[in-house]
Amino acid sequence: MATAAKTKIKIKKTKEDGVVRLRIRVRAYENKILDASVKQIIDTALRYDATLVGPIPLPTEIKKYTVNRASFVFKNAREQFEIRVHKRVIDILNPNQKTIEALTNLSLPSGVDIDVKMM
């Protein structure tokens, strides 16, 4: 007779008690500009003694477009283009007011998109 295997279920706590988290999502088309911007954000946060988690690289979003070269005759003559969006996530645990103010006054290069959420 087969015995039922005992399975252990691990429950992860999604929110720690009393921890305020500032989540920064950074997106850009070029990874070198993105990495430079992330380094600038990390240096600014560490200057004000913030606790950091990351940068965590997220999967690159690839959008592909196929275009016919000829107007209607040659279907085999096609060109393919793609746009890559690189993404990173940085978490700042228990940020103080000076850290938030320094991050809002930060000037980053054009082409870098930033989303900031308080959790």
PDB file of N, CA and C in Angstrom:
ATOM      1  N   MET A   1       0.841  -1.169   0.000  1.00  0.00           N
ATOM      2  CA  MET A   1       0.000   0.000   0.000  1.00  0.00           C
ATOM      3  C   MET A   1       0.887   1.233   0.000  1.00  0.00           C
ATOM      4  N   ALA A   2       0.596   2.146  -0.895  1.00  0.00           N
ATOM      5  CA  ALA A   2       1.411   3.358  -1.034  1.00  0.00           C
ATOM      6  C   ALA A   2       0.997   4.385   0.009  1.00  0.00           C
ATOM      7  N   THR A   3       2.000   4.993   0.601  1.00  0.00           N
ATOM      8  CA  THR A   3       1.698   6.020   1.603  1.00  0.00           C
ATOM      9  C   THR A   3       1.760   7.381   0.942  1.00  0.00           C
ATOM     10  N   ALA A   4       0.953   8.244   1.410  1.00  0.00           N
ATOM     11  CA  ALA A   4       0.923   9.591   0.855  1.00  0.00           C
ATOM     12  C   ALA A   4       2.143  10.360   1.338  1.00  0.00           C
ATOM     13  N   ALA A   5       2.815  11.005   0.396  1.00  0.00           N
ATOM     14  CA  ALA A   5       4.010  11.785   0.752  1.00  0.00           C
ATOM     15  C   ALA A   5       3.577  13.092   1.404  1.00  0.00           C
ATOM     16  N   LYS A   6       4.309  13.439   2.437  1.00  0.00           N
ATOM     17  CA  LYS A   6       4.009  14.693   3.114  1.00  0.00           C
ATOM     18  C   LYS A   6       4.656  15.836   2.347  1.00  0.00           C
ATOM     19  N   THR A   7       3.878  16.828   2.042  1.00  0.00           N
ATOM     20  CA  THR A   7       4.414  17.986   1.333  1.00  0.00           C
ATOM     21  C   THR A   7       4.469  19.162   2.284  1.00  0.00           C
ATOM     22  N   LYS A   8       5.573  19.863   2.208  1.00  0.00           N
ATOM     23  CA  LYS A   8       5.735  21.050   3.037  1.00  0.00           C
ATOM     24  C   LYS A   8       5.433  22.268   2.184  1.00  0.00           C
ATOM     25  N   ILE A   9       4.611  23.107   2.685  1.00  0.00           N
ATOM     26  CA  ILE A   9       4.258  24.331   1.984  1.00  0.00           C
ATOM     27  C   ILE A   9       4.914  25.489   2.714  1.00  0.00           C
ATOM     28  N   LYS A  10       5.740  26.210   1.968  1.00  0.00           N
ATOM     29  CA  LYS A  10       6.406  27.371   2.540  1.00  0.00           C
ATOM     30  C   LYS A  10       5.627  28.623   2.177  1.00  0.00           C
ATOM     31  N   ILE A  11       5.274  29.352   3.185  1.00  0.00           N
ATOM     32  CA  ILE A  11       4.549  30.594   2.973  1.00  0.00           C
ATOM     33  C   ILE A  11       5.521  31.744   3.196  1.00  0.00           C
ATOM     34  N   LYS A  12       5.690  32.542   2.147  1.00  0.00           N
ATOM     35  CA  LYS A  12       6.587  33.682   2.262  1.00  0.00           C
ATOM     36  C   LYS A  12       5.794  34.907   2.693  1.00  0.00           C
ATOM     37  N   LYS A  13       6.364  35.643   3.601  1.00  0.00           N
ATOM     38  CA  LYS A  13       5.735  36.885   4.024  1.00  0.00           C
ATOM     39  C   LYS A  13       6.002  37.934   2.963  1.00  0.00           C
ATOM     40  N   THR A  14       4.959  38.532   2.427  1.00  0.00           N
ATOM     41  CA  THR A  14       5.149  39.527   1.384  1.00  0.00           C
ATOM     42  C   THR A  14       5.509  40.880   1.966  1.00  0.00           C
ATOM     43  N   LYS A  15       4.985  41.202   3.131  1.00  0.00           N
ATOM     44  CA  LYS A  15       5.296  42.488   3.759  1.00  0.00           C
ATOM     45  C   LYS A  15       5.886  42.233   5.135  1.00  0.00           C
ATOM     46  N   GLU A  16       7.039  42.814   5.371  1.00  0.00           N
ATOM     47  CA  GLU A  16       7.585  42.758   6.715  1.00  0.00           C
ATOM     48  C   GLU A  16       6.857  43.789   7.575  1.00  0.00           C
ATOM     49  N   ASP A  17       6.836  43.551   8.852  1.00  0.00           N
ATOM     50  CA  ASP A  17       6.121  44.456   9.737  1.00  0.00           C
ATOM     51  C   ASP A  17       6.875  45.768   9.880  1.00  0.00           C
ATOM     52  N   GLY A  18       6.210  46.862   9.550  1.00  0.00           N
ATOM     53  CA  GLY A  18       6.778  48.180   9.761  1.00  0.00           C
ATOM     54  C   GLY A  18       7.860  48.585   8.779  1.00  0.00           C
ATOM     55  N   VAL A  19       8.004  47.903   7.648  1.00  0.00           N
ATOM     56  CA  VAL A  19       9.041  48.257   6.677  1.00  0.00           C
ATOM     57  C   VAL A  19       8.394  48.993   5.516  1.00  0.00           C
ATOM     58  N   VAL A  20       8.855  50.204   5.282  1.00  0.00           N
ATOM     59  CA  VAL A  20       8.401  50.986   4.137  1.00  0.00           C
ATOM     60  C   VAL A  20       9.408  50.762   3.020  1.00  0.00           C
ATOM     61  N   ARG A  21       8.903  50.469   1.845  1.00  0.00           N
ATOM     62  CA  ARG A  21       9.763  50.134   0.724  1.00  0.00           C
ATOM     63  C   ARG A  21       9.515  51.114  -0.418  1.00  0.00           C
ATOM     64  N   LEU A  22      10.578  51.660  -0.956  1.00  0.00           N
ATOM     65  CA  LEU A  22      10.513  52.551  -2.114  1.00  0.00           C
ATOM     66  C   LEU A  22      11.010  51.745  -3.301  1.00  0.00           C
ATOM     67  N   ARG A  23      10.123  51.390  -4.231  1.00  0.00           N
ATOM     68  CA  ARG A  23      10.487  50.567  -5.387  1.00  0.00           C
ATOM     69  C   ARG A  23      10.667  51.460  -6.609  1.00  0.00           C
ATOM     70  N   ILE A  24      11.851  51.394  -7.198  1.00  0.00           N
ATOM     71  CA  ILE A  24      12.199  52.207  -8.366  1.00  0.00           C
ATOM     72  C   ILE A  24      12.371  51.270  -9.549  1.00  0.00           C
ATOM     73  N   ARG A  25      11.558  51.446 -10.587  1.00  0.00           N
ATOM     74  CA  ARG A  25      11.693  50.681 -11.828  1.00  0.00           C
ATOM     75  C   ARG A  25      12.285  51.596 -12.883  1.00  0.00           C
ATOM     76  N   VAL A  26      13.380  51.163 -13.481  1.00  0.00           N
ATOM     77  CA  VAL A  26      14.095  51.968 -14.470  1.00  0.00           C
ATOM     78  C   VAL A  26      14.056  51.212 -15.786  1.00  0.00           C
ATOM     79  N   ARG A  27      13.700  51.928 -16.877  1.00  0.00           N
ATOM     80  CA  ARG A  27      13.611  51.332 -18.209  1.00  0.00           C
ATOM     81  C   ARG A  27      14.350  52.199 -19.204  1.00  0.00           C
ATOM     82  N   ALA A  28      15.015  51.570 -20.172  1.00  0.00           N
ATOM     83  CA  ALA A  28      15.709  52.305 -21.226  1.00  0.00           C
ATOM     84  C   ALA A  28      15.919  51.386 -22.426  1.00  0.00           C
ATOM     85  N   TYR A  29      16.160  51.994 -23.591  1.00  0.00           N
ATOM     86  CA  TYR A  29      16.420  51.225 -24.803  1.00  0.00           C
ATOM     87  C   TYR A  29      17.872  50.759 -24.875  1.00  0.00           C
ATOM     88  N   GLU A  30      18.789  51.496 -24.269  1.00  0.00           N
ATOM     89  CA  GLU A  30      20.203  51.132 -24.304  1.00  0.00           C
ATOM     90  C   GLU A  30      20.649  50.708 -22.905  1.00  0.00           C
ATOM     91  N   ASN A  31      21.329  49.562 -22.834  1.00  0.00           N
ATOM     92  CA  ASN A  31      21.687  49.040 -21.525  1.00  0.00           C
ATOM     93  C   ASN A  31      22.832  49.808 -20.874  1.00  0.00           C
ATOM     94  N   LYS A  32      23.708  50.440 -21.646  1.00  0.00           N
ATOM     95  CA  LYS A  32      24.812  51.202 -21.051  1.00  0.00           C
ATOM     96  C   LYS A  32      24.301  52.458 -20.346  1.00  0.00           C
ATOM     97  N   ILE A  33      23.360  53.133 -20.962  1.00  0.00           N
ATOM     98  CA  ILE A  33      22.754  54.317 -20.340  1.00  0.00           C
ATOM     99  C   ILE A  33      21.955  53.898 -19.107  1.00  0.00           C
ATOM    100  N   LEU A  34      21.288  52.762 -19.201  1.00  0.00           N
ATOM    101  CA  LEU A  34      20.514  52.253 -18.073  1.00  0.00           C
ATOM    102  C   LEU A  34      21.411  51.924 -16.893  1.00  0.00           C
ATOM    103  N   ASP A  35      22.523  51.255 -17.141  1.00  0.00           N
ATOM    104  CA  ASP A  35      23.433  50.895 -16.050  1.00  0.00           C
ATOM    105  C   ASP A  35      24.070  52.130 -15.418  1.00  0.00           C
ATOM    106  N   ALA A  36      24.383  53.141 -16.235  1.00  0.00           N
ATOM    107  CA  ALA A  36      24.937  54.384 -15.689  1.00  0.00           C
ATOM    108  C   ALA A  36      23.910  55.099 -14.810  1.00  0.00           C
ATOM    109  N   SER A  37      22.648  55.097 -15.222  1.00  0.00           N
ATOM    110  CA  SER A  37      21.588  55.735 -14.441  1.00  0.00           C
ATOM    111  C   SER A  37      21.347  54.995 -13.130  1.00  0.00           C
ATOM    112  N   VAL A  38      21.370  53.655 -13.183  1.00  0.00           N
ATOM    113  CA  VAL A  38      21.182  52.856 -11.972  1.00  0.00           C
ATOM    114  C   VAL A  38      22.321  53.097 -10.992  1.00  0.00           C
ATOM    115  N   LYS A  39      23.542  53.194 -11.504  1.00  0.00           N
ATOM    116  CA  LYS A  39      24.695  53.468 -10.642  1.00  0.00           C
ATOM    117  C   LYS A  39      24.565  54.842  -9.984  1.00  0.00           C
ATOM    118  N   GLN A  40      24.062  55.818 -10.727  1.00  0.00           N
ATOM    119  CA  GLN A  40      23.861  57.161 -10.167  1.00  0.00           C
ATOM    120  C   GLN A  40      22.792  57.140  -9.070  1.00  0.00           C
ATOM    121  N   ILE A  41      21.720  56.372  -9.264  1.00  0.00           N
ATOM    122  CA  ILE A  41      20.664  56.254  -8.255  1.00  0.00           C
ATOM    123  C   ILE A  41      21.206  55.564  -7.005  1.00  0.00           C
ATOM    124  N   ILE A  42      21.989  54.497  -7.185  1.00  0.00           N
ATOM    125  CA  ILE A  42      22.541  53.764  -6.048  1.00  0.00           C
ATOM    126  C   ILE A  42      23.525  54.628  -5.263  1.00  0.00           C
ATOM    127  N   ASP A  43      24.385  55.375  -5.975  1.00  0.00           N
ATOM    128  CA  ASP A  43      25.341  56.250  -5.289  1.00  0.00           C
ATOM    129  C   ASP A  43      24.630  57.325  -4.474  1.00  0.00           C
ATOM    130  N   THR A  44      23.551  57.866  -5.026  1.00  0.00           N
ATOM    131  CA  THR A  44      22.786  58.895  -4.309  1.00  0.00           C
ATOM    132  C   THR A  44      22.124  58.303  -3.068  1.00  0.00           C
ATOM    133  N   ALA A  45      21.566  57.097  -3.181  1.00  0.00           N
ATOM    134  CA  ALA A  45      20.900  56.473  -2.031  1.00  0.00           C
ATOM    135  C   ALA A  45      21.908  56.089  -0.945  1.00  0.00           C
ATOM    136  N   LEU A  46      23.074  55.599  -1.345  1.00  0.00           N
ATOM    137  CA  LEU A  46      24.080  55.209  -0.358  1.00  0.00           C
ATOM    138  C   LEU A  46      24.711  56.411   0.337  1.00  0.00           C
ATOM    139  N   ARG A  47      24.718  57.556  -0.323  1.00  0.00           N
ATOM    140  CA  ARG A  47      25.243  58.771   0.291  1.00  0.00           C
ATOM    141  C   ARG A  47      24.432  59.170   1.509  1.00  0.00           C
ATOM    142  N   TYR A  48      23.132  58.839   1.510  1.00  0.00           N
ATOM    143  CA  TYR A  48      22.259  59.180   2.639  1.00  0.00           C
ATOM    144  C   TYR A  48      21.966  57.958   3.518  1.00  0.00           C
ATOM    145  N   ASP A  49      22.836  56.952   3.490  1.00  0.00           N
ATOM    146  CA  ASP A  49      22.766  55.769   4.354  1.00  0.00           C
ATOM    147  C   ASP A  49      21.446  55.009   4.223  1.00  0.00           C
ATOM    148  N   ALA A  50      21.025  54.759   2.997  1.00  0.00           N
ATOM    149  CA  ALA A  50      19.809  53.981   2.763  1.00  0.00           C
ATOM    150  C   ALA A  50      20.175  52.508   2.589  1.00  0.00           C
ATOM    151  N   THR A  51      19.254  51.635   2.937  1.00  0.00           N
ATOM    152  CA  THR A  51      19.441  50.201   2.754  1.00  0.00           C
ATOM    153  C   THR A  51      18.878  49.822   1.388  1.00  0.00           C
ATOM    154  N   LEU A  52      19.719  49.202   0.540  1.00  0.00           N
ATOM    155  CA  LEU A  52      19.333  48.904  -0.833  1.00  0.00           C
ATOM    156  C   LEU A  52      19.179  47.412  -1.068  1.00  0.00           C
ATOM    157  N   VAL A  53      18.273  47.071  -1.973  1.00  0.00           N
ATOM    158  CA  VAL A  53      18.151  45.731  -2.517  1.00  0.00           C
ATOM    159  C   VAL A  53      18.158  45.884  -4.031  1.00  0.00           C
ATOM    160  N   GLY A  54      19.167  45.327  -4.671  1.00  0.00           N
ATOM    161  CA  GLY A  54      19.213  45.421  -6.123  1.00  0.00           C
ATOM    162  C   GLY A  54      20.467  46.093  -6.600  1.00  0.00           C
ATOM    163  N   PRO A  55      20.591  46.403  -7.819  1.00  0.00           N
ATOM    164  CA  PRO A  55      19.585  46.378  -8.885  1.00  0.00           C
ATOM    165  C   PRO A  55      19.306  44.956  -9.362  1.00  0.00           C
ATOM    166  N   ILE A  56      18.036  44.677  -9.583  1.00  0.00           N
ATOM    167  CA  ILE A  56      17.603  43.370 -10.051  1.00  0.00           C
ATOM    168  C   ILE A  56      17.260  43.504 -11.533  1.00  0.00           C
ATOM    169  N   PRO A  57      17.964  42.783 -12.412  1.00  0.00           N
ATOM    170  CA  PRO A  57      17.626  42.867 -13.839  1.00  0.00           C
ATOM    171  C   PRO A  57      16.359  42.080 -14.139  1.00  0.00           C
ATOM    172  N   LEU A  58      15.441  42.716 -14.825  1.00  0.00           N
ATOM    173  CA  LEU A  58      14.215  42.059 -15.266  1.00  0.00           C
ATOM    174  C   LEU A  58      14.400  41.600 -16.713  1.00  0.00           C
ATOM    175  N   PRO A  59      13.559  40.701 -17.201  1.00  0.00           N
ATOM    176  CA  PRO A  59      13.714  40.231 -18.587  1.00  0.00           C
ATOM    177  C   PRO A  59      13.585  41.366 -19.595  1.00  0.00           C
ATOM    178  N   THR A  60      14.411  41.302 -20.629  1.00  0.00           N
ATOM    179  CA  THR A  60      14.384  42.312 -21.678  1.00  0.00           C
ATOM    180  C   THR A  60      13.147  42.110 -22.541  1.00  0.00           C
ATOM    181  N   GLU A  61      12.405  43.181 -22.740  1.00  0.00           N
ATOM    182  CA  GLU A  61      11.195  43.136 -23.549  1.00  0.00           C
ATOM    183  C   GLU A  61      11.593  43.386 -25.005  1.00  0.00           C
ATOM    184  N   ILE A  62      11.307  42.443 -25.887  1.00  0.00           N
ATOM    185  CA  ILE A  62      11.695  42.549 -27.296  1.00  0.00           C
ATOM    186  C   ILE A  62      10.435  42.653 -28.145  1.00  0.00           C
ATOM    187  N   LYS A  63      10.324  43.741 -28.915  1.00  0.00           N
ATOM    188  CA  LYS A  63       9.210  43.927 -29.847  1.00  0.00           C
ATOM    189  C   LYS A  63       9.771  43.820 -31.264  1.00  0.00           C
ATOM    190  N   LYS A  64       9.222  42.889 -32.057  1.00  0.00           N
ATOM    191  CA  LYS A  64       9.710  42.676 -33.417  1.00  0.00           C
ATOM    192  C   LYS A  64       8.670  43.149 -34.425  1.00  0.00           C
ATOM    193  N   TYR A  65       9.161  43.802 -35.483  1.00  0.00           N
ATOM    194  CA  TYR A  65       8.315  44.299 -36.556  1.00  0.00           C
ATOM    195  C   TYR A  65       8.852  43.782 -37.880  1.00  0.00           C
ATOM    196  N   THR A  66       7.970  43.266 -38.732  1.00  0.00           N
ATOM    197  CA  THR A  66       8.336  42.778 -40.054  1.00  0.00           C
ATOM    198  C   THR A  66       7.667  43.671 -41.087  1.00  0.00           C
ATOM    199  N   VAL A  67       8.469  44.144 -42.060  1.00  0.00           N
ATOM    200  CA  VAL A  67       7.985  45.092 -43.060  1.00  0.00           C
ATOM    201  C   VAL A  67       8.345  44.557 -44.449  1.00  0.00           C
ATOM    202  N   ASN A  68       7.398  44.612 -45.380  1.00  0.00           N
ATOM    203  CA  ASN A  68       7.686  44.239 -46.764  1.00  0.00           C
ATOM    204  C   ASN A  68       8.509  45.338 -47.431  1.00  0.00           C
ATOM    205  N   ARG A  69       9.555  44.952 -48.168  1.00  0.00           N
ATOM    206  CA  ARG A  69      10.357  45.942 -48.897  1.00  0.00           C
ATOM    207  C   ARG A  69       9.604  46.437 -50.120  1.00  0.00           C
ATOM    208  N   ALA A  70       9.042  45.516 -50.875  1.00  0.00           N
ATOM    209  CA  ALA A  70       8.313  45.895 -52.079  1.00  0.00           C
ATOM    210  C   ALA A  70       6.867  46.226 -51.715  1.00  0.00           C
ATOM    211  N   SER A  71       6.200  46.913 -52.626  1.00  0.00           N
ATOM    212  CA  SER A  71       4.844  47.345 -52.312  1.00  0.00           C
ATOM    213  C   SER A  71       3.848  46.184 -52.361  1.00  0.00           C
ATOM    214  N   PHE A  72       3.900  45.317 -53.432  1.00  0.00           N
ATOM    215  CA  PHE A  72       2.921  44.233 -53.464  1.00  0.00           C
ATOM    216  C   PHE A  72       3.418  42.971 -54.167  1.00  0.00           C
ATOM    217  N   VAL A  73       4.532  42.997 -54.851  1.00  0.00           N
ATOM    218  CA  VAL A  73       4.930  41.870 -55.691  1.00  0.00           C
ATOM    219  C   VAL A  73       5.792  40.856 -54.950  1.00  0.00           C
ATOM    220  N   PHE A  74       6.885  41.294 -54.361  1.00  0.00           N
ATOM    221  CA  PHE A  74       7.873  40.382 -53.798  1.00  0.00           C
ATOM    222  C   PHE A  74       7.605  40.158 -52.303  1.00  0.00           C
ATOM    223  N   LYS A  75       6.919  39.052 -52.023  1.00  0.00           N
ATOM    224  CA  LYS A  75       6.594  38.767 -50.624  1.00  0.00           C
ATOM    225  C   LYS A  75       7.812  38.286 -49.840  1.00  0.00           C
ATOM    226  N   ASN A  76       8.790  37.676 -50.523  1.00  0.00           N
ATOM    227  CA  ASN A  76       9.962  37.147 -49.834  1.00  0.00           C
ATOM    228  C   ASN A  76      10.944  38.241 -49.434  1.00  0.00           C
ATOM    229  N   ALA A  77      10.817  39.410 -50.005  1.00  0.00           N
ATOM    230  CA  ALA A  77      11.722  40.509 -49.669  1.00  0.00           C
ATOM    231  C   ALA A  77      11.152  41.261 -48.468  1.00  0.00           C
ATOM    232  N   ARG A  78      11.616  40.884 -47.284  1.00  0.00           N
ATOM    233  CA  ARG A  78      11.119  41.507 -46.057  1.00  0.00           C
ATOM    234  C   ARG A  78      12.288  41.968 -45.203  1.00  0.00           C
ATOM    235  N   GLU A  79      12.009  42.949 -44.373  1.00  0.00           N
ATOM    236  CA  GLU A  79      12.985  43.417 -43.391  1.00  0.00           C
ATOM    237  C   GLU A  79      12.381  43.230 -42.009  1.00  0.00           C
ATOM    238  N   GLN A  80      13.241  42.885 -41.062  1.00  0.00           N
ATOM    239  CA  GLN A  80      12.782  42.742 -39.684  1.00  0.00           C
ATOM    240  C   GLN A  80      13.526  43.723 -38.794  1.00  0.00           C
ATOM    241  N   PHE A  81      12.762  44.388 -37.940  1.00  0.00           N
ATOM    242  CA  PHE A  81      13.314  45.349 -36.984  1.00  0.00           C
ATOM    243  C   PHE A  81      12.870  44.939 -35.588  1.00  0.00           C
ATOM    244  N   GLU A  82      13.668  45.307 -34.597  1.00  0.00           N
ATOM    245  CA  GLU A  82      13.284  45.008 -33.226  1.00  0.00           C
ATOM    246  C   GLU A  82      13.662  46.160 -32.312  1.00  0.00           C
ATOM    247  N   ILE A  83      12.875  46.294 -31.261  1.00  0.00           N
ATOM    248  CA  ILE A  83      13.134  47.279 -30.222  1.00  0.00           C
ATOM    249  C   ILE A  83      13.293  46.507 -28.919  1.00  0.00           C
ATOM    250  N   ARG A  84      14.408  46.734 -28.231  1.00  0.00           N
ATOM    251  CA  ARG A  84      14.666  46.066 -26.954  1.00  0.00           C
ATOM    252  C   ARG A  84      14.529  47.081 -25.829  1.00  0.00           C
ATOM    253  N   VAL A  85      13.756  46.711 -24.814  1.00  0.00           N
ATOM    254  CA  VAL A  85      13.573  47.559 -23.633  1.00  0.00           C
ATOM    255  C   VAL A  85      14.197  46.834 -22.451  1.00  0.00           C
ATOM    256  N   HIS A  86      15.286  47.400 -21.911  1.00  0.00           N
ATOM    257  CA  HIS A  86      15.982  46.825 -20.766  1.00  0.00           C
ATOM    258  C   HIS A  86      15.392  47.413 -19.490  1.00  0.00           C
ATOM    259  N   LYS A  87      15.259  46.567 -18.445  1.00  0.00           N
ATOM    260  CA  LYS A  87      14.606  47.006 -17.212  1.00  0.00           C
ATOM    261  C   LYS A  87      15.405  46.577 -15.989  1.00  0.00           C
ATOM    262  N   ARG A  88      15.363  47.409 -14.946  1.00  0.00           N
ATOM    263  CA  ARG A  88      15.992  47.107 -13.660  1.00  0.00           C
ATOM    264  C   ARG A  88      15.051  47.549 -12.546  1.00  0.00           C
ATOM    265  N   VAL A  89      15.150  46.876 -11.387  1.00  0.00           N
ATOM    266  CA  VAL A  89      14.360  47.230 -10.207  1.00  0.00           C
ATOM    267  C   VAL A  89      15.314  47.453  -9.042  1.00  0.00           C
ATOM    268  N   ILE A  90      15.097  48.540  -8.303  1.00  0.00           N
ATOM    269  CA  ILE A  90      15.873  48.846  -7.108  1.00  0.00           C
ATOM    270  C   ILE A  90      14.882  49.073  -5.975  1.00  0.00           C
ATOM    271  N   ASP A  91      15.105  48.415  -4.840  1.00  0.00           N
ATOM    272  CA  ASP A  91      14.281  48.621  -3.652  1.00  0.00           C
ATOM    273  C   ASP A  91      15.113  49.347  -2.601  1.00  0.00           C
ATOM    274  N   ILE A  92      14.523  50.372  -2.011  1.00  0.00           N
ATOM    275  CA  ILE A  92      15.154  51.103  -0.918  1.00  0.00           C
ATOM    276  C   ILE A  92      14.279  50.885   0.306  1.00  0.00           C
ATOM    277  N   LEU A  93      14.863  50.294   1.345  1.00  0.00           N
ATOM    278  CA  LEU A  93      14.117  49.977   2.558  1.00  0.00           C
ATOM    279  C   LEU A  93      14.218  51.124   3.551  1.00  0.00           C
ATOM    280  N   ASN A  94      13.085  51.500   4.106  1.00  0.00           N
ATOM    281  CA  ASN A  94      12.971  52.578   5.092  1.00  0.00           C
ATOM    282  C   ASN A  94      13.723  53.849   4.678  1.00  0.00           C
ATOM    283  N   PRO A  95      13.317  54.470   3.562  1.00  0.00           N
ATOM    284  CA  PRO A  95      14.015  55.695   3.146  1.00  0.00           C
ATOM    285  C   PRO A  95      13.634  56.873   4.045  1.00  0.00           C
ATOM    286  N   ASN A  96      14.600  57.738   4.310  1.00  0.00           N
ATOM    287  CA  ASN A  96      14.290  58.943   5.075  1.00  0.00           C
ATOM    288  C   ASN A  96      13.968  60.078   4.105  1.00  0.00           C
ATOM    289  N   GLN A  97      13.593  61.219   4.638  1.00  0.00           N
ATOM    290  CA  GLN A  97      13.145  62.338   3.809  1.00  0.00           C
ATOM    291  C   GLN A  97      14.265  62.879   2.935  1.00  0.00           C
ATOM    292  N   LYS A  98      15.492  62.901   3.443  1.00  0.00           N
ATOM    293  CA  LYS A  98      16.620  63.411   2.661  1.00  0.00           C
ATOM    294  C   LYS A  98      16.918  62.525   1.459  1.00  0.00           C
ATOM    295  N   THR A  99      16.760  61.224   1.623  1.00  0.00           N
ATOM    296  CA  THR A  99      16.993  60.297   0.516  1.00  0.00           C
ATOM    297  C   THR A  99      15.969  60.513  -0.587  1.00  0.00           C
ATOM    298  N   ILE A 100      14.705  60.661  -0.217  1.00  0.00           N
ATOM    299  CA  ILE A 100      13.645  60.866  -1.203  1.00  0.00           C
ATOM    300  C   ILE A 100      13.840  62.185  -1.924  1.00  0.00           C
ATOM    301  N   GLU A 101      14.213  63.226  -1.184  1.00  0.00           N
ATOM    302  CA  GLU A 101      14.436  64.533  -1.793  1.00  0.00           C
ATOM    303  C   GLU A 101      15.618  64.505  -2.754  1.00  0.00           C
ATOM    304  N   ALA A 102      16.684  63.804  -2.390  1.00  0.00           N
ATOM    305  CA  ALA A 102      17.855  63.709  -3.267  1.00  0.00           C
ATOM    306  C   ALA A 102      17.538  62.923  -4.538  1.00  0.00           C
ATOM    307  N   LEU A 103      16.696  61.895  -4.421  1.00  0.00           N
ATOM    308  CA  LEU A 103      16.334  61.113  -5.599  1.00  0.00           C
ATOM    309  C   LEU A 103      15.404  61.876  -6.539  1.00  0.00           C
ATOM    310  N   THR A 104      14.555  62.748  -6.002  1.00  0.00           N
ATOM    311  CA  THR A 104      13.675  63.527  -6.870  1.00  0.00           C
ATOM    312  C   THR A 104      14.438  64.619  -7.599  1.00  0.00           C
ATOM    313  N   ASN A 105      15.519  65.130  -6.999  1.00  0.00           N
ATOM    314  CA  ASN A 105      16.311  66.181  -7.644  1.00  0.00           C
ATOM    315  C   ASN A 105      17.391  65.630  -8.558  1.00  0.00           C
ATOM    316  N   LEU A 106      17.433  64.320  -8.760  1.00  0.00           N
ATOM    317  CA  LEU A 106      18.451  63.679  -9.570  1.00  0.00           C
ATOM    318  C   LEU A 106      18.175  63.926 -11.051  1.00  0.00           C
ATOM    319  N   SER A 107      19.195  64.325 -11.795  1.00  0.00           N
ATOM    320  CA  SER A 107      19.023  64.532 -13.237  1.00  0.00           C
ATOM    321  C   SER A 107      19.638  63.345 -13.977  1.00  0.00           C
ATOM    322  N   LEU A 108      18.805  62.635 -14.712  1.00  0.00           N
ATOM    323  CA  LEU A 108      19.227  61.453 -15.448  1.00  0.00           C
ATOM    324  C   LEU A 108      19.173  61.739 -16.949  1.00  0.00           C
ATOM    325  N   PRO A 109      19.924  60.995 -17.759  1.00  0.00           N
ATOM    326  CA  PRO A 109      19.932  61.256 -19.204  1.00  0.00           C
ATOM    327  C   PRO A 109      18.573  60.984 -19.848  1.00  0.00           C
ATOM    328  N   SER A 110      18.365  61.588 -21.020  1.00  0.00           N
ATOM    329  CA  SER A 110      17.112  61.370 -21.727  1.00  0.00           C
ATOM    330  C   SER A 110      17.077  59.941 -22.259  1.00  0.00           C
ATOM    331  N   GLY A 111      15.899  59.392 -22.369  1.00  0.00           N
ATOM    332  CA  GLY A 111      15.748  58.015 -22.799  1.00  0.00           C
ATOM    333  C   GLY A 111      15.633  57.035 -21.656  1.00  0.00           C
ATOM    334  N   VAL A 112      15.702  57.529 -20.415  1.00  0.00           N
ATOM    335  CA  VAL A 112      15.576  56.675 -19.236  1.00  0.00           C
ATOM    336  C   VAL A 112      14.241  56.980 -18.581  1.00  0.00           C
ATOM    337  N   ASP A 113      13.407  55.949 -18.421  1.00  0.00           N
ATOM    338  CA  ASP A 113      12.085  56.092 -17.828  1.00  0.00           C
ATOM    339  C   ASP A 113      12.122  55.536 -16.411  1.00  0.00           C
ATOM    340  N   ILE A 114      11.572  56.296 -15.454  1.00  0.00           N
ATOM    341  CA  ILE A 114      11.624  55.902 -14.046  1.00  0.00           C
ATOM    342  C   ILE A 114      10.212  55.879 -13.476  1.00  0.00           C
ATOM    343  N   ASP A 115       9.872  54.782 -12.786  1.00  0.00           N
ATOM    344  CA  ASP A 115       8.624  54.677 -12.031  1.00  0.00           C
ATOM    345  C   ASP A 115       8.972  54.445 -10.577  1.00  0.00           C
ATOM    346  N   VAL A 116       8.410  55.271  -9.688  1.00  0.00           N
ATOM    347  CA  VAL A 116       8.688  55.167  -8.262  1.00  0.00           C
ATOM    348  C   VAL A 116       7.381  54.872  -7.533  1.00  0.00           C
ATOM    349  N   LYS A 117       7.399  53.839  -6.673  1.00  0.00           N
ATOM    350  CA  LYS A 117       6.219  53.476  -5.894  1.00  0.00           C
ATOM    351  C   LYS A 117       6.622  53.303  -4.436  1.00  0.00           C
ATOM    352  N   MET A 118       5.738  53.734  -3.532  1.00  0.00           N
ATOM    353  CA  MET A 118       5.900  53.482  -2.107  1.00  0.00           C
ATOM    354  C   MET A 118       5.067  52.265  -1.758  1.00  0.00           C
ATOM    355  N   MET A 119       5.684  51.305  -1.094  1.00  0.00           N
ATOM    356  CA  MET A 119       4.963  50.069  -0.751  1.00  0.00           C
ATOM    357  C   MET A 119       4.963  49.892   0.752  1.00  0.00           C
TER     358      MET A 119
END
